[in-house]
Amino acid sequence: MKAIISDIHGNLEALEAVLKDIKSQGIDEIYCLGDIIGYGPNPRECVDRVMSTRVCLLGNHDQGALFDPEGFNPGAERAIFWTRDQLEKGDPSGNKRRWDFLGELPRSHREDKFLFVHGSARNPLNEYVFPEDVYNQRKMERIFALVEQYCFQGHTHVPGVFTETLKFFRPEDVDFQYEFGAEKALVNVGSVGQPRNGDWRSQYVVLDDNGAGTTRVTFRRVEYDVDQTVQKIYAIADLDNFLGDRLRDGR
């Protein structure tokens, strides 16, 4: 069994709650699909926590901190510059270790029939695949053509399953568990630190591939001390209050 997390965005309270939930299930293999930092108030601590994951990928916010941010809205850009500052001042040895870790992150990872990316199989770093894209047949066909069987992704912060027959299933539609068949599928694992599907709880998935012909994914939701994170954001002038407000609403 593997836990697959994504889009932590510097939200330490959410990450620690998710790691605790993962541990409670006896799972010790964690895959992170990127965006460890950006938006949230604890970038250093979150980077430190994910260093021990089995696989960790580069997200667009991680890249934005490493290089010059491009394509971000003003609030997200300010958060990136603040995040970069946090990773540069104080704790020289720790920050060097964090920068080295971020700078070596791959953009994708293949493992048997599974592909892991942050954005999409076509553009692992930056392409969004939204639920409404099932109506964009050309886009989806081009993405599925690059997927051998199953792909796990994040980036939109909206969990669910896309099928090759151009259907999208929210976790609620499948009772929070989806069993893979012969049909190709894309799984958005949701966001640990900033969900955007109307549910404030942290979100991630558990992949159960028992090798006996049954492969399923379970969508998990975990409560955390959201008010503590919000108050931290409010206390930082360079982080817009909206970044805290949206956490309470899952938007």
Protein backbone atom coordinates (compact mmCIF):
# COMPACT_ATOMS: atom_id res chain seq x y z
CA MET A 1 0.00 0.00 0.00
CA LYS A 2 1.16 3.48 -0.87
CA ALA A 3 -0.06 6.88 0.31
CA ILE A 4 -0.02 9.53 -2.41
CA ILE A 5 -0.07 13.16 -1.30
CA SER A 6 0.16 16.44 -3.20
CA ASP A 7 -0.10 20.21 -2.92
CA ILE A 8 0.94 20.70 0.70
CA HIS A 9 1.63 24.39 0.13
CA GLY A 10 3.45 25.10 3.36
CA ASN A 11 0.52 24.00 5.54
CA LEU A 12 2.29 22.21 8.38
CA GLU A 13 -0.80 21.47 10.48
CA ALA A 14 -2.48 19.76 7.53
CA LEU A 15 0.65 17.81 6.60
CA GLU A 16 1.23 16.52 10.11
CA ALA A 17 -2.40 15.41 10.40
CA VAL A 18 -2.12 13.52 7.12
CA LEU A 19 1.18 11.90 8.08
CA LYS A 20 -0.41 10.77 11.33
CA ASP A 21 -3.37 9.30 9.43
CA ILE A 22 -1.03 7.48 7.07
CA LYS A 23 0.96 6.04 9.96
CA SER A 24 -2.22 4.86 11.69
CA GLN A 25 -2.91 2.62 8.69
CA GLY A 26 0.52 1.03 8.83
CA ILE A 27 1.60 2.60 5.53
CA ASP A 28 5.27 3.51 5.25
CA GLU A 29 5.56 4.26 1.52
CA ILE A 30 4.62 7.86 0.71
CA TYR A 31 4.71 9.46 -2.72
CA CYS A 32 4.50 13.27 -2.95
CA LEU A 33 3.40 14.85 -6.23
CA GLY A 34 4.86 18.29 -5.59
CA ASP A 35 3.97 21.80 -4.50
CA ILE A 36 5.42 21.30 -1.06
CA ILE A 37 5.66 25.06 -0.66
CA GLY A 38 3.88 28.23 -1.78
CA TYR A 39 0.88 29.98 -0.14
CA GLY A 40 1.40 28.57 3.36
CA PRO A 41 3.31 29.80 6.43
CA ASN A 42 5.67 26.86 7.11
CA PRO A 43 7.75 26.13 3.99
CA ARG A 44 10.91 24.99 5.78
CA GLU A 45 9.13 22.57 8.08
CA CYS A 46 7.11 21.07 5.22
CA VAL A 47 10.20 20.51 3.09
CA ASP A 48 11.85 18.80 6.06
CA ARG A 49 8.86 16.47 6.52
CA VAL A 50 8.73 15.28 2.90
CA MET A 51 12.45 14.59 2.59
CA SER A 52 11.83 11.09 3.93
CA THR A 53 9.14 10.19 1.36
CA ARG A 54 9.94 7.37 -1.04
CA VAL A 55 9.23 9.53 -4.10
CA CYS A 56 8.86 13.30 -4.32
CA LEU A 57 8.22 15.29 -7.49
CA LEU A 58 8.70 18.93 -8.44
CA GLY A 59 5.61 21.15 -8.46
CA ASN A 60 5.19 24.49 -10.19
CA HIS A 61 5.34 26.41 -6.90
CA ASP A 62 8.50 24.56 -5.93
CA GLN A 63 10.00 25.56 -9.26
CA GLY A 64 8.78 29.13 -8.76
CA ALA A 65 10.78 29.35 -5.55
CA LEU A 66 13.85 27.86 -7.19
CA PHE A 67 13.71 30.21 -10.18
CA ASP A 68 11.71 33.29 -11.16
CA PRO A 69 7.95 32.65 -10.80
CA GLU A 70 6.04 32.88 -14.07
CA GLY A 71 2.30 32.78 -14.66
CA PHE A 72 1.31 33.32 -11.02
CA ASN A 73 -1.33 35.79 -9.85
CA PRO A 74 -0.04 38.68 -7.68
CA GLY A 75 -0.95 37.03 -4.36
CA ALA A 76 0.68 33.73 -5.32
CA GLU A 77 3.76 35.56 -6.60
CA ARG A 78 4.16 37.49 -3.33
CA ALA A 79 3.83 34.21 -1.44
CA ILE A 80 6.56 32.67 -3.60
CA PHE A 81 8.96 35.53 -2.93
CA TRP A 82 8.20 35.34 0.80
CA THR A 83 8.73 31.58 0.72
CA ARG A 84 12.07 32.00 -1.04
CA ASP A 85 13.11 34.49 1.64
CA GLN A 86 12.25 31.96 4.36
CA LEU A 87 14.44 29.39 2.65
CA GLU A 88 17.35 31.81 2.40
CA LYS A 89 17.61 33.45 5.81
CA GLY A 90 18.76 31.80 9.03
CA ASP A 91 19.74 28.14 9.41
CA PRO A 92 22.39 28.10 6.63
CA SER A 93 23.10 24.37 6.74
CA GLY A 94 19.40 23.46 6.90
CA ASN A 95 18.50 25.79 4.06
CA LYS A 96 21.31 24.45 1.87
CA ARG A 97 19.94 20.96 2.43
CA ARG A 98 16.43 22.13 1.55
CA TRP A 99 17.54 23.92 -1.63
CA ASP A 100 19.56 20.88 -2.70
CA PHE A 101 16.55 18.65 -2.13
CA LEU A 102 14.19 20.90 -4.13
CA GLY A 103 16.73 21.35 -6.91
CA GLU A 104 17.04 17.61 -7.47
CA LEU A 105 13.33 16.78 -7.63
CA PRO A 106 12.23 15.02 -10.85
CA ARG A 107 9.20 16.11 -12.86
CA SER A 108 7.73 12.61 -13.23
CA HIS A 109 8.14 9.07 -11.99
CA ARG A 110 7.19 5.80 -13.69
CA GLU A 111 6.72 2.56 -11.84
CA ASP A 112 5.32 -0.43 -13.72
CA LYS A 113 1.83 0.54 -14.93
CA PHE A 114 1.76 3.74 -12.86
CA LEU A 115 2.83 7.24 -13.86
CA PHE A 116 3.19 9.97 -11.23
CA VAL A 117 3.20 13.67 -12.15
CA HIS A 118 2.25 17.00 -10.65
CA GLY A 119 0.26 18.46 -13.55
CA SER A 120 -0.43 16.03 -16.39
CA ALA A 121 1.25 13.34 -18.46
CA ARG A 122 1.59 15.86 -21.30
CA ASN A 123 3.03 18.65 -19.18
CA PRO A 124 4.11 17.20 -15.82
CA LEU A 125 4.72 20.58 -14.19
CA ASN A 126 2.11 23.05 -15.40
CA GLU A 127 -0.91 21.58 -17.19
CA TYR A 128 -4.19 21.61 -15.29
CA VAL A 129 -6.70 18.82 -15.87
CA PHE A 130 -10.04 19.99 -14.53
CA PRO A 131 -13.24 17.91 -14.19
CA GLU A 132 -14.84 19.87 -17.04
CA ASP A 133 -12.04 18.79 -19.36
CA VAL A 134 -13.96 15.56 -19.98
CA TYR A 135 -15.83 17.71 -22.52
CA ASN A 136 -12.55 18.57 -24.27
CA GLN A 137 -12.10 15.32 -26.16
CA ARG A 138 -8.98 16.35 -28.05
CA LYS A 139 -7.12 17.42 -24.92
CA MET A 140 -8.02 14.29 -22.99
CA GLU A 141 -7.17 11.93 -25.85
CA ARG A 142 -3.72 13.48 -26.15
CA ILE A 143 -3.11 13.12 -22.42
CA PHE A 144 -4.36 9.54 -22.26
CA ALA A 145 -2.15 8.63 -25.23
CA LEU A 146 0.85 9.27 -22.96
CA VAL A 147 -0.45 7.11 -20.11
CA GLU A 148 0.31 3.40 -20.23
CA GLN A 149 -2.41 2.46 -17.75
CA TYR A 150 -2.87 4.71 -14.69
CA CYS A 151 -1.66 8.18 -13.83
CA PHE A 152 -1.69 9.99 -10.48
CA GLN A 153 -1.64 13.78 -10.47
CA GLY A 154 -2.44 16.88 -8.42
CA HIS A 155 -2.16 20.60 -9.30
CA THR A 156 -5.89 21.45 -9.50
CA HIS A 157 -6.53 20.55 -5.82
CA VAL A 158 -9.75 18.82 -6.94
CA PRO A 159 -9.80 15.04 -6.26
CA GLY A 160 -11.44 12.48 -8.50
CA VAL A 161 -11.01 9.93 -11.29
CA PHE A 162 -10.94 10.58 -15.03
CA THR A 163 -11.64 7.61 -17.30
CA GLU A 164 -10.57 7.08 -20.88
CA THR A 165 -14.24 7.11 -21.87
CA LEU A 166 -14.32 10.75 -20.78
CA LYS A 167 -16.09 10.46 -17.47
CA PHE A 168 -15.15 12.14 -14.19
CA PHE A 169 -16.04 10.65 -10.83
CA ARG A 170 -15.82 12.67 -7.64
CA PRO A 171 -14.82 10.69 -4.55
CA GLU A 172 -18.43 10.91 -3.35
CA ASP A 173 -19.64 9.36 -6.62
CA VAL A 174 -17.69 6.14 -5.99
CA ASP A 175 -18.09 5.99 -2.21
CA PHE A 176 -14.48 7.18 -1.83
CA GLN A 177 -13.05 4.04 -3.43
CA TYR A 178 -12.32 3.28 -7.07
CA GLU A 179 -11.27 -0.13 -8.38
CA PHE A 180 -9.17 -0.02 -11.53
CA GLY A 181 -10.08 -2.15 -14.53
CA ALA A 182 -8.70 -2.49 -18.04
CA GLU A 183 -9.67 1.08 -18.87
CA LYS A 184 -7.01 3.75 -18.48
CA ALA A 185 -7.56 6.23 -15.66
CA LEU A 186 -6.18 9.48 -14.30
CA VAL A 187 -6.48 10.02 -10.55
CA ASN A 188 -6.28 13.46 -9.02
CA VAL A 189 -5.30 12.89 -5.39
CA GLY A 190 -6.54 16.27 -4.12
CA SER A 191 -4.61 18.64 -1.88
CA VAL A 192 -3.18 18.21 1.59
CA GLY A 193 -2.78 21.89 2.34
CA GLN A 194 -5.33 23.77 0.25
CA PRO A 195 -8.36 21.76 -0.98
CA ARG A 196 -10.57 23.45 -3.56
CA ASN A 197 -13.57 21.18 -3.81
CA GLY A 198 -15.68 22.77 -1.09
CA ASP A 199 -14.32 20.54 1.70
CA TRP A 200 -11.80 22.11 4.07
CA ARG A 201 -10.31 18.80 5.20
CA SER A 202 -6.94 17.59 3.96
CA GLN A 203 -7.12 15.12 1.11
CA TYR A 204 -4.92 12.33 -0.21
CA VAL A 205 -5.25 8.81 -1.57
CA VAL A 206 -4.13 5.31 -0.67
CA LEU A 207 -3.15 3.01 -3.53
CA ASP A 208 -3.66 -0.69 -2.80
CA ASP A 209 -2.00 -2.81 -5.49
CA ASN A 210 -1.92 -6.31 -4.03
CA GLY A 211 -0.47 -7.98 -7.10
CA ALA A 212 -3.37 -10.43 -7.31
CA GLY A 213 -5.25 -8.62 -10.04
CA THR A 214 -7.03 -6.12 -7.81
CA THR A 215 -5.89 -2.53 -7.76
CA ARG A 216 -7.90 0.14 -6.00
CA VAL A 217 -7.51 3.67 -4.78
CA THR A 218 -9.16 5.04 -1.65
CA PHE A 219 -9.76 8.76 -1.13
CA ARG A 220 -9.00 9.93 2.40
CA ARG A 221 -10.08 13.15 4.15
CA VAL A 222 -8.43 14.28 7.36
CA GLU A 223 -9.38 17.03 9.80
CA TYR A 224 -6.68 19.36 11.09
CA ASP A 225 -6.39 22.58 13.09
CA VAL A 226 -7.26 24.89 10.22
CA ASP A 227 -7.66 27.94 12.47
CA GLN A 228 -4.05 27.65 13.61
CA THR A 229 -2.87 27.77 10.01
CA VAL A 230 -5.19 30.67 9.21
CA GLN A 231 -3.89 32.72 12.13
CA LYS A 232 -0.32 32.11 11.04
CA ILE A 233 -1.15 33.42 7.57
CA TYR A 234 -2.91 36.48 8.99
CA ALA A 235 0.23 37.30 10.99
CA ILE A 236 2.45 37.41 7.89
CA ALA A 237 2.13 40.65 5.95
CA ASP A 238 3.43 39.16 2.71
CA LEU A 239 0.74 36.46 2.68
CA ASP A 240 -2.70 37.69 1.64
CA ASN A 241 -5.47 37.09 4.20
CA PHE A 242 -7.42 35.43 1.40
CA LEU A 243 -4.94 32.56 1.50
CA GLY A 244 -6.16 31.86 5.01
CA ASP A 245 -9.83 32.57 4.39
CA ARG A 246 -10.02 30.06 1.54
CA LEU A 247 -8.76 27.26 3.78
CA ARG A 248 -11.93 27.35 5.89
CA ASP A 249 -14.13 26.98 2.81
CA GLY A 250 -12.03 24.54 0.80
CA ARG A 251 -11.85 26.84 -2.20
